[in-house]
C-alpha atoms as a PDB file:
ATOM      1  CA  UNK A   1      43.325 -71.690-116.605  1.00  0.00           C
ATOM      2  CA  UNK A   2      43.215 -75.215-118.150  1.00  0.00           C
ATOM      3  CA  UNK A   3      41.008 -78.368-117.292  1.00  0.00           C
ATOM      4  CA  UNK A   4      42.961 -81.641-117.474  1.00  0.00           C
ATOM      5  CA  UNK A   5      41.065 -84.848-116.731  1.00  0.00           C
ATOM      6  CA  UNK A   6      42.639 -88.140-115.822  1.00  0.00           C
ATOM      7  CA  UNK A   7      40.458 -91.259-116.007  1.00  0.00           C
ATOM      8  CA  UNK A   8      41.801 -94.414-114.298  1.00  0.00           C
ATOM      9  CA  UNK A   9      40.262 -97.923-115.136  1.00  0.00           C
ATOM     10  CA  UNK A  10      41.050-101.341-113.795  1.00  0.00           C
ATOM     11  CA  UNK A  11      43.297-103.313-116.491  1.00  0.00           C
ATOM     12  CA  UNK A  12      41.305-105.634-118.544  1.00  0.00           C
ATOM     13  CA  UNK A  13      42.703-108.740-116.716  1.00  0.00           C
ATOM     14  CA  UNK A  14      41.963-107.537-113.284  1.00  0.00           C
ATOM     15  CA  UNK A  15      38.666-108.583-111.699  1.00  0.00           C
ATOM     16  CA  UNK A  16      36.203-105.678-111.328  1.00  0.00           C
ATOM     17  CA  UNK A  17      33.848-106.627-108.233  1.00  0.00           C
ATOM     18  CA  UNK A  18      32.279-103.265-108.128  1.00  0.00           C
ATOM     19  CA  UNK A  19      31.464-103.404-111.962  1.00  0.00           C
ATOM     20  CA  UNK A  20      30.049-106.850-111.323  1.00  0.00           C
ATOM     21  CA  UNK A  21      27.867-105.605-108.456  1.00  0.00           C
ATOM     22  CA  UNK A  22      26.537-102.722-110.945  1.00  0.00           C
ATOM     23  CA  UNK A  23      25.860-105.169-113.705  1.00  0.00           C
ATOM     24  CA  UNK A  24      23.994-107.639-111.145  1.00  0.00           C
ATOM     25  CA  UNK A  25      21.935-104.613-110.006  1.00  0.00           C
ATOM     26  CA  UNK A  26      20.631-103.135-113.294  1.00  0.00           C
ATOM     27  CA  UNK A  27      18.367-106.088-114.351  1.00  0.00           C
ATOM     28  CA  UNK A  28      16.851-106.062-110.882  1.00  0.00           C
ATOM     29  CA  UNK A  29      16.032-102.095-111.424  1.00  0.00           C
ATOM     30  CA  UNK A  30      14.660-102.912-114.682  1.00  0.00           C
ATOM     31  CA  UNK A  31      17.557-101.936-117.013  1.00  0.00           C
ATOM     32  CA  UNK A  32      18.396-104.653-119.596  1.00  0.00           C
ATOM     33  CA  UNK A  33      20.791-104.973-122.447  1.00  0.00           C
ATOM     34  CA  UNK A  34      24.185-104.254-120.685  1.00  0.00           C
ATOM     35  CA  UNK A  35      26.525-106.856-121.201  1.00  0.00           C
ATOM     36  CA  UNK A  36      29.478-105.645-118.922  1.00  0.00           C
ATOM     37  CA  UNK A  37      30.236-102.769-116.543  1.00  0.00           C
ATOM     38  CA  UNK A  38      33.836-101.753-115.653  1.00  0.00           C
ATOM     39  CA  UNK A  39      33.744 -98.986-112.766  1.00  0.00           C
ATOM     40  CA  UNK A  40      36.810 -96.622-112.683  1.00  0.00           C
ATOM     41  CA  UNK A  41      37.884 -93.111-111.156  1.00  0.00           C
ATOM     42  CA  UNK A  42      37.727 -89.794-112.853  1.00  0.00           C
ATOM     43  CA  UNK A  43      39.875 -86.692-111.840  1.00  0.00           C
ATOM     44  CA  UNK A  44      39.437 -83.191-112.784  1.00  0.00           C
ATOM     45  CA  UNK A  45      42.449 -81.047-112.356  1.00  0.00           C
ATOM     46  CA  UNK A  46      42.411 -77.194-112.707  1.00  0.00           C
ATOM     47  CA  UNK A  47      45.525 -75.990-113.866  1.00  0.00           C
ATOM     48  CA  UNK A  48      46.881 -72.500-113.358  1.00  0.00           C
ATOM     49  CA  UNK A  49      47.970 -71.256-117.132  1.00  0.00           C
ATOM     50  CA  UNK A  50      47.870 -73.263-120.295  1.00  0.00           C
ATOM     51  CA  UNK A  51      48.080 -76.975-120.559  1.00  0.00           C
ATOM     52  CA  UNK A  52      51.505 -77.150-121.965  1.00  0.00           C
ATOM     53  CA  UNK A  53      53.587 -80.165-122.861  1.00  0.00           C
ATOM     54  CA  UNK A  54      55.569 -79.898-119.565  1.00  0.00           C
ATOM     55  CA  UNK A  55      52.216 -79.494-117.753  1.00  0.00           C
ATOM     56  CA  UNK A  56      50.753 -82.698-119.142  1.00  0.00           C
ATOM     57  CA  UNK A  57      54.017 -84.501-118.212  1.00  0.00           C
ATOM     58  CA  UNK A  58      53.639 -83.545-114.522  1.00  0.00           C
ATOM     59  CA  UNK A  59      49.954 -84.816-114.604  1.00  0.00           C
ATOM     60  CA  UNK A  60      51.183 -87.842-116.305  1.00  0.00           C
ATOM     61  CA  UNK A  61      53.628 -88.243-113.417  1.00  0.00           C
ATOM     62  CA  UNK A  62      50.932 -87.452-110.909  1.00  0.00           C
ATOM     63  CA  UNK A  63      48.537 -90.016-112.334  1.00  0.00           C
ATOM     64  CA  UNK A  64      51.409 -92.795-112.284  1.00  0.00           C
ATOM     65  CA  UNK A  65      52.447 -91.933-108.490  1.00  0.00           C
ATOM     66  CA  UNK A  66      49.265 -90.990-106.907  1.00  0.00           C
ATOM     67  CA  UNK A  67      46.112 -91.175-108.857  1.00  0.00           C
ATOM     68  CA  UNK A  68      46.483 -94.679-110.007  1.00  0.00           C
ATOM     69  CA  UNK A  69      47.797 -98.131-109.278  1.00  0.00           C
ATOM     70  CA  UNK A  70      49.759 -98.844-112.126  1.00  0.00           C
ATOM     71  CA  UNK A  71      49.927-102.479-111.180  1.00  0.00           C
ATOM     72  CA  UNK A  72      46.233-102.945-111.670  1.00  0.00           C
ATOM     73  CA  UNK A  73      44.832 -99.801-113.236  1.00  0.00           C
ATOM     74  CA  UNK A  74      45.423 -97.962-116.931  1.00  0.00           C
ATOM     75  CA  UNK A  75      44.956 -94.134-116.961  1.00  0.00           C
ATOM     76  CA  UNK A  76      44.468 -91.699-119.841  1.00  0.00           C
ATOM     77  CA  UNK A  77      45.074 -87.811-119.561  1.00  0.00           C
ATOM     78  CA  UNK A  78      43.086 -85.466-121.684  1.00  0.00           C
ATOM     79  CA  UNK A  79      42.480 -81.600-121.841  1.00  0.00           C
ATOM     80  CA  UNK A  80      38.910 -80.445-121.559  1.00  0.00           C
ATOM     81  CA  UNK A  81      38.617 -77.753-124.420  1.00  0.00           C
ATOM     82  CA  UNK A  82      36.875 -74.647-123.707  1.00  0.00           C
ATOM     83  CA  UNK A  83      37.464 -75.014-119.911  1.00  0.00           C
ATOM     84  CA  UNK A  84      37.874 -71.383-118.251  1.00  0.00           C
END
C-alpha cells in the first residue's frame, strides 16, 4: 500500500480571500512576523499496491479533473515514503 499526497494551491495571480482573512487574524491573536498566507487543500490517497508511474499518472488525472480547478489552482503530487 502506498500513500500519495496531492497538494492544491491557488495560482499566484489568483486572489486568496481565505488566506488574507487568516493573515489579518494572526496579529489579533498575538502572532507577528507573517508576511503572507495562502490557503490550499491537501488530499491523501491510500493506494492499493505500489506507487508506480502508471498509478501516479492516474493520480495526476484525478487531480486535474476532480481534486483541483486547473483554471485557478496548481497542484503537486508526491509519494509519502514509509507509508504502510
